[in-house]
């Protein structure tokens, strides 16, 4: 494993466009960020902001039939994975980087036993025999809290929480350096959510892997992430440490997200929603994408694109009205 302070994932100027009914869908628009080995980054934003597309681009699993443009650079452990062949990428995916998909119901094969699905990646990447792979798969399932006497059951025999645990076991079976978790607790009740997050945290500590966590739940980010990137209309509009985002909130959109949260201490009598809707990705505004919903926007915001500005060390914001500190 690499030195824990080395930034082993670098995403630079990433652009992804889909095509739909003859129109270009601008899903990801000039996204850049980096991740140190062993650290965690939360990608936060509303549904449709482009978070999952960023993750699928890193994993190289975008649907070819729907994608019209992919530009930029994704460097992982010193390799630009955008330039790798499909065969070379297949040797990395599942072994060095892995992904927990949002819906465990569709991530598992309904006609294969759970243990065989975990063993599949072990056979592929670690070149073990079938019996050795099954033995290791059973250990991985036990590690995530699934008893050995249930490993030969099928996904339909598992509860939602157990399905998600099985998906996690598949993702970590080969001890990846990078884990991408795409809303891993969305379909689970609050109690199971807490168990899954605790499980992921303990496994990260044990294996030493880095993580990108995709969510719209700021509470989960506060618990699980070191750094945060707030995504809006395919762009990162604010990025920094967890403390920067939660305690020194800068971008109007990020402020709006926090204002829409209930105060459990009872100080807030009325929530303040963000007015309006995210822009149509086939017809993005000329200037700042948030300007139609921003209470502080003026003509300058609407007329030209806004670059990221460093407010303080490592705290970046895409807003022309933010001053450096």
Protein backbone atom coordinates (compact mmCIF):
# COMPACT_ATOMS: atom_id res chain seq x y z
CA UNK A 1 0.00 0.00 0.00
CA UNK A 2 1.19 3.54 -0.70
CA UNK A 3 2.25 6.11 1.84
CA UNK A 4 -0.86 7.31 3.68
CA UNK A 5 -0.17 11.00 2.91
CA UNK A 6 0.14 10.49 -0.84
CA UNK A 7 -2.74 11.65 -3.01
CA UNK A 8 -3.22 8.48 -4.94
CA UNK A 9 -6.46 9.50 -6.70
CA UNK A 10 -6.52 12.66 -8.80
CA UNK A 11 -9.52 13.66 -10.91
CA UNK A 12 -8.72 16.58 -13.22
CA UNK A 13 -11.14 18.57 -15.41
CA UNK A 14 -13.61 15.71 -15.76
CA UNK A 15 -16.42 16.25 -18.29
CA UNK A 16 -19.15 13.71 -19.03
CA UNK A 17 -22.06 14.18 -21.44
CA UNK A 18 -24.92 11.81 -22.21
CA UNK A 19 -27.15 11.94 -25.26
CA UNK A 20 -30.90 11.71 -24.89
CA UNK A 21 -33.51 12.28 -27.61
CA UNK A 22 -30.98 14.21 -29.68
CA UNK A 23 -29.99 16.52 -26.81
CA UNK A 24 -26.68 16.67 -24.92
CA UNK A 25 -27.06 16.06 -21.20
CA UNK A 26 -24.26 17.88 -19.35
CA UNK A 27 -23.90 15.49 -16.41
CA UNK A 28 -20.40 16.41 -15.16
CA UNK A 29 -18.83 19.77 -15.93
CA UNK A 30 -15.11 20.30 -15.24
CA UNK A 31 -14.84 18.42 -11.94
CA UNK A 32 -11.46 18.21 -10.19
CA UNK A 33 -10.52 16.77 -6.81
CA UNK A 34 -7.92 14.55 -5.15
CA UNK A 35 -7.94 11.92 -2.44
CA UNK A 36 -5.17 10.78 -0.15
CA UNK A 37 -4.60 7.10 0.49
CA UNK A 38 -6.63 5.99 3.50
CA UNK A 39 -8.78 9.15 3.68
CA UNK A 40 -12.48 9.66 2.94
CA UNK A 41 -14.34 12.16 0.77
CA UNK A 42 -18.07 12.83 0.81
CA UNK A 43 -19.78 13.86 -2.44
CA UNK A 44 -22.94 15.72 -1.41
CA UNK A 45 -25.75 17.14 -3.49
CA UNK A 46 -29.32 16.81 -4.69
CA UNK A 47 -30.49 13.90 -6.82
CA UNK A 48 -29.29 14.35 -10.40
CA UNK A 49 -26.30 16.51 -9.47
CA UNK A 50 -23.85 14.14 -11.17
CA UNK A 51 -22.40 12.34 -8.14
CA UNK A 52 -23.00 8.79 -9.38
CA UNK A 53 -21.73 9.68 -12.86
CA UNK A 54 -18.45 10.86 -11.29
CA UNK A 55 -18.17 7.53 -9.46
CA UNK A 56 -18.98 5.46 -12.54
CA UNK A 57 -16.40 7.39 -14.54
CA UNK A 58 -13.72 6.57 -11.97
CA UNK A 59 -14.78 2.91 -12.11
CA UNK A 60 -14.99 3.03 -15.94
CA UNK A 61 -18.51 1.58 -15.91
CA UNK A 62 -20.42 4.32 -17.75
CA UNK A 63 -23.05 2.97 -20.18
CA UNK A 64 -21.40 3.20 -23.59
CA UNK A 65 -24.72 3.40 -25.44
CA UNK A 66 -25.72 6.60 -23.61
CA UNK A 67 -22.42 8.49 -23.33
CA UNK A 68 -21.43 10.99 -26.02
CA UNK A 69 -18.38 12.60 -24.38
CA UNK A 70 -15.87 11.77 -21.64
CA UNK A 71 -12.95 14.14 -21.17
CA UNK A 72 -10.40 14.79 -18.46
CA UNK A 73 -7.96 12.76 -16.44
CA UNK A 74 -8.43 10.22 -13.67
CA UNK A 75 -5.14 9.13 -12.13
CA UNK A 76 -5.22 6.22 -9.72
CA UNK A 77 -2.00 5.01 -8.07
CA UNK A 78 0.01 6.84 -10.73
CA UNK A 79 -1.94 5.46 -13.71
CA UNK A 80 -4.28 7.45 -15.94
CA UNK A 81 -7.09 4.91 -15.95
CA UNK A 82 -8.87 6.74 -18.77
CA UNK A 83 -6.12 5.51 -21.09
CA UNK A 84 -6.12 1.89 -19.95
CA UNK A 85 -7.54 -0.85 -22.14
CA UNK A 86 -10.70 -2.64 -21.03
CA UNK A 87 -8.60 -5.66 -20.04
CA UNK A 88 -6.19 -3.56 -17.98
CA UNK A 89 -9.10 -1.78 -16.26
CA UNK A 90 -10.79 -5.10 -15.49
CA UNK A 91 -7.68 -6.18 -13.57
CA UNK A 92 -7.97 -3.07 -11.36
CA UNK A 93 -11.76 -2.95 -10.91
CA UNK A 94 -12.80 -5.17 -8.01
CA UNK A 95 -9.21 -5.65 -6.85
CA UNK A 96 -7.68 -2.21 -6.31
CA UNK A 97 -10.89 -0.17 -6.47
CA UNK A 98 -14.41 -1.33 -5.79
CA UNK A 99 -17.92 0.04 -5.49
CA UNK A 100 -20.94 -0.48 -3.28
CA UNK A 101 -23.98 0.19 -5.44
CA UNK A 102 -27.01 2.10 -4.24
CA UNK A 103 -29.62 -0.63 -4.51
CA UNK A 104 -28.65 -4.05 -3.12
CA UNK A 105 -31.80 -5.51 -4.68
CA UNK A 106 -30.37 -5.04 -8.18
CA UNK A 107 -26.67 -5.38 -7.32
CA UNK A 108 -26.99 -9.08 -6.48
CA UNK A 109 -27.70 -11.90 -8.93
CA UNK A 110 -30.99 -13.53 -7.86
CA UNK A 111 -30.09 -17.00 -9.22
CA UNK A 112 -26.70 -17.38 -7.52
CA UNK A 113 -26.00 -18.06 -3.85
CA UNK A 114 -24.59 -15.17 -1.89
CA UNK A 115 -21.30 -16.95 -1.12
CA UNK A 116 -20.71 -17.76 -4.80
CA UNK A 117 -21.11 -14.09 -5.70
CA UNK A 118 -18.52 -13.06 -3.11
CA UNK A 119 -16.17 -15.84 -4.25
CA UNK A 120 -16.42 -14.77 -7.90
CA UNK A 121 -14.13 -11.74 -7.57
CA UNK A 122 -11.72 -13.69 -5.34
CA UNK A 123 -11.32 -16.35 -8.02
CA UNK A 124 -10.82 -13.69 -10.69
CA UNK A 125 -8.30 -11.45 -8.92
CA UNK A 126 -6.48 -13.64 -6.41
CA UNK A 127 -6.13 -16.78 -8.54
CA UNK A 128 -7.23 -19.08 -5.71
CA UNK A 129 -8.91 -22.43 -6.23
CA UNK A 130 -12.67 -22.63 -6.07
CA UNK A 131 -12.61 -24.20 -2.60
CA UNK A 132 -10.10 -21.66 -1.28
CA UNK A 133 -12.21 -18.85 -2.71
CA UNK A 134 -15.37 -20.20 -1.07
CA UNK A 135 -13.55 -20.45 2.28
CA UNK A 136 -12.34 -16.85 2.00
CA UNK A 137 -15.81 -15.68 0.88
CA UNK A 138 -17.34 -17.26 3.99
CA UNK A 139 -14.83 -15.38 6.15
CA UNK A 140 -15.69 -12.11 4.39
CA UNK A 141 -19.41 -12.67 4.95
CA UNK A 142 -18.78 -13.47 8.60
CA UNK A 143 -16.74 -10.27 8.83
CA UNK A 144 -19.78 -8.24 7.74
CA UNK A 145 -22.09 -10.06 10.16
CA UNK A 146 -23.60 -12.86 8.05
CA UNK A 147 -23.42 -16.25 9.78
CA UNK A 148 -21.76 -19.18 8.01
CA UNK A 149 -24.97 -21.21 8.09
CA UNK A 150 -26.65 -18.66 5.80
CA UNK A 151 -24.00 -18.11 3.15
CA UNK A 152 -25.50 -20.68 0.75
CA UNK A 153 -28.84 -18.89 0.66
CA UNK A 154 -30.07 -16.74 -2.23
CA UNK A 155 -30.54 -12.94 -2.14
CA UNK A 156 -34.34 -13.19 -1.87
CA UNK A 157 -33.88 -15.00 1.46
CA UNK A 158 -32.02 -12.01 2.94
CA UNK A 159 -33.46 -8.84 4.48
CA UNK A 160 -32.54 -5.46 3.01
CA UNK A 161 -29.83 -4.92 5.61
CA UNK A 162 -28.33 -8.36 5.00
CA UNK A 163 -28.34 -7.79 1.23
CA UNK A 164 -26.40 -4.58 1.76
CA UNK A 165 -23.92 -6.43 3.98
CA UNK A 166 -23.47 -9.01 1.21
CA UNK A 167 -22.81 -6.23 -1.32
CA UNK A 168 -20.21 -4.76 1.05
CA UNK A 169 -18.57 -8.19 1.37
CA UNK A 170 -18.30 -8.39 -2.42
CA UNK A 171 -16.81 -4.89 -2.59
CA UNK A 172 -14.11 -5.54 0.04
CA UNK A 173 -13.38 -9.18 -0.80
CA UNK A 174 -10.02 -8.32 -2.38
CA UNK A 175 -9.09 -5.56 0.13
CA UNK A 176 -9.24 -2.64 -2.35
CA UNK A 177 -7.26 0.56 -1.88
CA UNK A 178 -10.32 2.62 -2.85
CA UNK A 179 -13.96 1.97 -1.97
CA UNK A 180 -16.72 4.01 -3.64
CA UNK A 181 -19.98 3.80 -1.68
CA UNK A 182 -22.97 5.11 -3.63
CA UNK A 183 -25.65 5.97 -1.05
CA UNK A 184 -25.10 2.64 0.74
CA UNK A 185 -27.77 3.30 3.38
CA UNK A 186 -30.56 4.95 1.35
CA UNK A 187 -32.86 1.90 1.27
CA UNK A 188 -32.31 0.96 4.91
CA UNK A 189 -34.07 1.95 8.12
CA UNK A 190 -32.28 4.17 10.62
CA UNK A 191 -31.09 1.35 12.89
CA UNK A 192 -29.62 -0.67 10.00
CA UNK A 193 -28.12 2.53 8.55
CA UNK A 194 -26.12 3.02 11.73
CA UNK A 195 -24.96 -0.60 11.68
CA UNK A 196 -23.84 -0.42 8.04
CA UNK A 197 -21.94 2.86 8.59
CA UNK A 198 -20.23 1.42 11.66
CA UNK A 199 -19.35 -1.69 9.67
CA UNK A 200 -17.85 0.34 6.80
CA UNK A 201 -15.83 2.45 9.26
CA UNK A 202 -14.42 -0.60 11.05
CA UNK A 203 -13.56 -2.32 7.75
CA UNK A 204 -11.84 0.83 6.46
CA UNK A 205 -9.74 0.94 9.60
CA UNK A 206 -8.90 -2.75 9.38
CA UNK A 207 -8.06 -2.78 5.66
CA UNK A 208 -6.72 0.79 5.42
CA UNK A 209 -8.69 1.76 2.34
CA UNK A 210 -9.74 5.19 1.13
CA UNK A 211 -13.41 5.93 0.49
CA UNK A 212 -15.60 8.16 -1.64
CA UNK A 213 -19.06 8.31 -0.06
CA UNK A 214 -21.92 9.54 -2.24
CA UNK A 215 -24.92 10.80 -0.29
CA UNK A 216 -27.40 13.63 0.16
CA UNK A 217 -27.43 13.10 3.93
CA UNK A 218 -25.18 15.62 5.68
CA UNK A 219 -25.49 13.70 8.95
CA UNK A 220 -23.83 10.66 7.36
CA UNK A 221 -21.09 12.88 5.95
CA UNK A 222 -20.40 14.35 9.39
CA UNK A 223 -19.97 10.86 10.80
CA UNK A 224 -18.04 9.13 8.02
CA UNK A 225 -15.97 11.62 6.00
CA UNK A 226 -12.74 13.60 6.42
CA UNK A 227 -13.36 15.94 3.49
CA UNK A 228 -16.47 17.08 1.61
CA UNK A 229 -17.23 18.19 -1.95
CA UNK A 230 -20.63 19.78 -2.56
CA UNK A 231 -21.89 19.01 -6.09
CA UNK A 232 -24.47 21.08 -7.97
CA UNK A 233 -25.47 20.75 -11.64
CA UNK A 234 -22.42 18.63 -12.43
CA UNK A 235 -19.91 20.95 -10.76
CA UNK A 236 -18.21 21.04 -7.38
CA UNK A 237 -19.31 24.36 -5.90
CA UNK A 238 -17.57 24.04 -2.52
CA UNK A 239 -14.88 21.71 -1.24
CA UNK A 240 -12.80 21.44 1.90
CA UNK A 241 -12.36 19.60 5.15
CA UNK A 242 -15.43 18.49 7.07
CA UNK A 243 -14.80 21.36 9.50
CA UNK A 244 -14.60 23.88 6.64
CA UNK A 245 -17.93 22.80 5.17
CA UNK A 246 -19.84 22.44 8.44
CA UNK A 247 -18.36 25.33 10.45
CA UNK A 248 -17.20 27.79 7.78
CA UNK A 249 -19.88 27.29 5.13
CA UNK A 250 -19.30 29.65 2.19
CA UNK A 251 -21.32 28.87 -0.94
CA UNK A 252 -24.99 29.97 -0.97
CA UNK A 253 -26.06 26.47 -2.09
CA UNK A 254 -24.23 24.81 0.80
CA UNK A 255 -25.79 27.33 3.17
CA UNK A 256 -29.17 26.46 1.71
CA UNK A 257 -28.61 22.75 2.36
CA UNK A 258 -27.86 23.42 6.02
CA UNK A 259 -30.78 25.84 6.37
CA UNK A 260 -33.13 23.10 5.15
CA UNK A 261 -32.08 20.74 7.97
CA UNK A 262 -34.19 20.50 11.14
CA UNK A 263 -32.54 21.68 14.36
CA UNK A 264 -32.91 18.87 16.89
CA UNK A 265 -32.26 21.31 19.72
CA UNK A 266 -35.48 23.10 18.84
CA UNK A 267 -33.98 26.48 18.00
CA UNK A 268 -35.41 26.57 14.48
CA UNK A 269 -39.20 26.85 14.28
CA UNK A 270 -39.40 26.78 10.49
CA UNK A 271 -37.19 25.19 7.85
CA UNK A 272 -35.95 27.37 5.01
CA UNK A 273 -36.13 25.49 1.67
CA UNK A 274 -34.01 26.34 -1.35
CA UNK A 275 -36.43 27.98 -3.77
CA UNK A 276 -36.80 26.58 -7.26
CA UNK A 277 -35.38 23.44 -8.87
CA UNK A 278 -31.97 22.40 -10.19
CA UNK A 279 -31.41 23.48 -13.79
CA UNK A 280 -32.17 21.30 -16.79
CA UNK A 281 -28.85 19.54 -17.59
CA UNK A 282 -29.61 19.86 -21.31
CA UNK A 283 -29.86 23.65 -20.96
CA UNK A 284 -27.59 24.90 -18.18
CA UNK A 285 -27.46 28.63 -17.32
CA UNK A 286 -24.74 30.68 -19.02
CA UNK A 287 -23.12 31.82 -15.80
CA UNK A 288 -23.28 30.31 -12.32
CA UNK A 289 -25.55 27.26 -12.44
CA UNK A 290 -27.02 28.18 -9.04
CA UNK A 291 -27.77 31.80 -9.97
CA UNK A 292 -31.50 31.24 -10.80
CA UNK A 293 -32.05 30.02 -7.21
CA UNK A 294 -29.48 32.20 -5.41
CA UNK A 295 -30.75 35.15 -3.33
CA UNK A 296 -27.40 36.96 -3.78
CA UNK A 297 -27.03 36.59 -7.56
CA UNK A 298 -26.57 39.63 -9.82
CA UNK A 299 -25.94 40.12 -13.54
CA UNK A 300 -22.26 39.27 -13.16
CA UNK A 301 -23.23 35.87 -11.74
CA UNK A 302 -25.58 35.20 -14.66
CA UNK A 303 -23.29 36.31 -17.47
CA UNK A 304 -20.04 34.35 -17.06
CA UNK A 305 -18.76 31.07 -15.69
CA UNK A 306 -17.40 31.16 -12.15
CA UNK A 307 -14.04 29.61 -11.29
CA UNK A 308 -13.17 27.92 -8.01
CA UNK A 309 -11.52 30.28 -5.50
CA UNK A 310 -9.39 29.22 -2.55
CA UNK A 311 -10.84 30.95 0.51
CA UNK A 312 -8.28 29.54 2.91
CA UNK A 313 -5.89 26.61 2.89
CA UNK A 314 -7.68 23.76 1.11
CA UNK A 315 -11.14 25.39 1.34
CA UNK A 316 -12.42 26.12 -2.19
CA UNK A 317 -15.62 27.79 -3.33
CA UNK A 318 -17.19 28.55 -6.74
CA UNK A 319 -18.73 31.95 -6.02
CA UNK A 320 -17.65 35.37 -7.28
CA UNK A 321 -18.79 37.08 -4.09
CA UNK A 322 -16.56 35.05 -1.77
CA UNK A 323 -13.44 36.84 -0.54
CA UNK A 324 -10.16 35.12 0.25
CA UNK A 325 -9.28 35.04 3.94
